Amino acid sequence: MEQDCFLYELHENIMPNNEIGAVCFFDSYSYEQEPAQVIGVFEVFKRLKADGLII
């Protein structure tokens, strides 16, 4: 899997459309509680924490 991530200030509502059924925002703890996870998301959280971009 390849994943590009971008960090920016959000000033508008994001609405799902086409093949996207829902949009969800979560922190690492709440993501761990999801019934299914993608290992790449944990790597993104780890790198964001290491770079001081999230707590």
N, C-alpha and C. Protein backbone atom coordinates (compact mmCIF):
# COMPACT_ATOMS: atom_id res chain seq x y z
N MET A 1 0.83 -1.17 0.00
CA MET A 1 0.00 0.00 0.00
C MET A 1 0.88 1.24 0.00
N GLU A 2 0.51 2.22 -0.78
CA GLU A 2 1.20 3.51 -0.79
C GLU A 2 0.22 4.56 -0.32
N GLN A 3 0.71 5.46 0.52
CA GLN A 3 -0.18 6.45 1.11
C GLN A 3 0.53 7.79 1.17
N ASP A 4 -0.10 8.83 0.65
CA ASP A 4 0.40 10.19 0.76
C ASP A 4 -0.41 10.91 1.82
N CYS A 5 0.27 11.63 2.71
CA CYS A 5 -0.42 12.36 3.77
C CYS A 5 -0.03 13.82 3.70
N PHE A 6 -1.01 14.68 3.94
CA PHE A 6 -0.79 16.12 3.91
C PHE A 6 -1.39 16.72 5.17
N LEU A 7 -0.72 17.70 5.74
CA LEU A 7 -1.19 18.37 6.93
C LEU A 7 -1.47 19.82 6.59
N TYR A 8 -2.71 20.25 6.81
CA TYR A 8 -3.06 21.64 6.56
C TYR A 8 -4.25 22.02 7.42
N GLU A 9 -4.45 23.33 7.61
CA GLU A 9 -5.59 23.81 8.38
C GLU A 9 -6.85 23.67 7.55
N LEU A 10 -7.86 23.09 8.15
CA LEU A 10 -9.12 22.85 7.46
C LEU A 10 -10.11 23.94 7.83
N HIS A 11 -10.64 24.63 6.82
CA HIS A 11 -11.59 25.72 7.05
C HIS A 11 -12.96 25.44 6.42
N GLU A 12 -13.15 24.26 5.89
CA GLU A 12 -14.43 23.91 5.26
C GLU A 12 -14.84 22.51 5.71
N ASN A 13 -16.11 22.20 5.53
CA ASN A 13 -16.60 20.86 5.83
C ASN A 13 -16.23 19.93 4.69
N ILE A 14 -15.85 18.71 5.03
CA ILE A 14 -15.55 17.70 4.02
C ILE A 14 -16.77 16.79 3.92
N MET A 15 -17.25 16.61 2.73
CA MET A 15 -18.42 15.77 2.49
C MET A 15 -18.03 14.59 1.60
N PRO A 16 -18.39 13.37 2.02
CA PRO A 16 -18.08 12.20 1.18
C PRO A 16 -18.90 12.23 -0.11
N ASN A 17 -18.33 11.69 -1.17
CA ASN A 17 -19.06 11.57 -2.43
C ASN A 17 -18.45 10.44 -3.26
N ASN A 18 -19.07 10.13 -4.35
CA ASN A 18 -18.64 9.06 -5.25
C ASN A 18 -18.40 7.77 -4.48
N GLU A 19 -17.18 7.24 -4.50
CA GLU A 19 -16.92 5.95 -3.86
C GLU A 19 -16.63 6.08 -2.37
N ILE A 20 -16.55 7.30 -1.84
CA ILE A 20 -16.29 7.53 -0.42
C ILE A 20 -17.62 7.53 0.32
N GLY A 21 -17.80 6.60 1.24
CA GLY A 21 -19.07 6.49 1.95
C GLY A 21 -19.15 7.35 3.19
N ALA A 22 -18.00 7.65 3.81
CA ALA A 22 -18.00 8.44 5.04
C ALA A 22 -16.62 9.04 5.26
N VAL A 23 -16.59 10.11 6.00
CA VAL A 23 -15.34 10.75 6.40
C VAL A 23 -15.31 10.75 7.92
N CYS A 24 -14.18 10.35 8.49
CA CYS A 24 -14.07 10.25 9.93
C CYS A 24 -12.73 10.81 10.39
N PHE A 25 -12.76 11.60 11.44
CA PHE A 25 -11.52 12.11 12.04
C PHE A 25 -11.30 11.36 13.35
N PHE A 26 -10.05 10.98 13.63
CA PHE A 26 -9.77 10.20 14.84
C PHE A 26 -8.34 10.43 15.29
N ASP A 27 -8.11 10.17 16.58
CA ASP A 27 -6.75 10.18 17.11
C ASP A 27 -6.28 8.73 17.19
N SER A 28 -5.03 8.53 17.60
CA SER A 28 -4.49 7.17 17.62
C SER A 28 -5.25 6.26 18.57
N TYR A 29 -5.67 6.79 19.73
CA TYR A 29 -6.41 5.95 20.68
C TYR A 29 -7.74 5.50 20.09
N SER A 30 -8.51 6.43 19.56
CA SER A 30 -9.82 6.04 19.01
C SER A 30 -9.67 5.14 17.79
N TYR A 31 -8.59 5.32 17.01
CA TYR A 31 -8.37 4.43 15.88
C TYR A 31 -8.10 3.00 16.34
N GLU A 32 -7.37 2.84 17.45
CA GLU A 32 -7.11 1.51 17.99
C GLU A 32 -8.39 0.79 18.39
N GLN A 33 -9.45 1.54 18.69
CA GLN A 33 -10.73 0.96 19.10
C GLN A 33 -11.59 0.53 17.90
N GLU A 34 -11.22 0.93 16.70
CA GLU A 34 -11.98 0.56 15.50
C GLU A 34 -11.95 -0.96 15.31
N PRO A 35 -13.01 -1.55 14.78
CA PRO A 35 -13.04 -3.01 14.59
C PRO A 35 -12.02 -3.51 13.56
N ALA A 36 -11.59 -2.65 12.64
CA ALA A 36 -10.57 -3.04 11.66
C ALA A 36 -9.60 -1.87 11.51
N GLN A 37 -8.30 -2.18 11.46
CA GLN A 37 -7.28 -1.14 11.30
C GLN A 37 -6.37 -1.47 10.12
N VAL A 38 -5.71 -0.42 9.62
CA VAL A 38 -4.72 -0.56 8.56
C VAL A 38 -3.37 -0.23 9.18
N ILE A 39 -2.40 -1.12 9.05
CA ILE A 39 -1.10 -0.95 9.71
C ILE A 39 -0.41 0.35 9.30
N GLY A 40 -0.64 0.81 8.07
CA GLY A 40 -0.03 2.05 7.60
C GLY A 40 -0.48 3.27 8.39
N VAL A 41 -1.70 3.25 8.91
CA VAL A 41 -2.20 4.38 9.70
C VAL A 41 -1.41 4.48 10.99
N PHE A 42 -1.07 3.35 11.60
CA PHE A 42 -0.25 3.38 12.82
C PHE A 42 1.13 3.96 12.52
N GLU A 43 1.68 3.66 11.37
CA GLU A 43 2.98 4.21 10.97
C GLU A 43 2.88 5.73 10.80
N VAL A 44 1.80 6.21 10.21
CA VAL A 44 1.60 7.65 10.05
C VAL A 44 1.53 8.32 11.41
N PHE A 45 0.75 7.76 12.34
CA PHE A 45 0.68 8.32 13.69
C PHE A 45 2.07 8.36 14.33
N LYS A 46 2.82 7.29 14.19
CA LYS A 46 4.16 7.22 14.78
C LYS A 46 5.06 8.32 14.23
N ARG A 47 5.03 8.52 12.94
CA ARG A 47 5.88 9.55 12.31
C ARG A 47 5.43 10.96 12.67
N LEU A 48 4.12 11.19 12.71
CA LEU A 48 3.62 12.51 13.11
C LEU A 48 4.03 12.84 14.54
N LYS A 49 3.97 11.86 15.44
CA LYS A 49 4.41 12.07 16.82
C LYS A 49 5.90 12.34 16.87
N ALA A 50 6.69 11.58 16.12
CA ALA A 50 8.15 11.75 16.12
C ALA A 50 8.53 13.14 15.59
N ASP A 51 7.77 13.67 14.66
CA ASP A 51 8.04 15.00 14.10
C ASP A 51 7.43 16.12 14.93
N GLY A 52 6.76 15.79 16.03
CA GLY A 52 6.18 16.79 16.91
C GLY A 52 4.94 17.47 16.34
N LEU A 53 4.30 16.83 15.36
CA LEU A 53 3.12 17.43 14.73
C LEU A 53 1.84 17.07 15.47
N ILE A 54 1.86 15.97 16.24
CA ILE A 54 0.74 15.61 17.09
C ILE A 54 1.31 15.15 18.43
N ILE A 55 0.43 15.11 19.42
CA ILE A 55 0.87 14.68 20.77
C ILE A 55 0.66 13.20 20.92
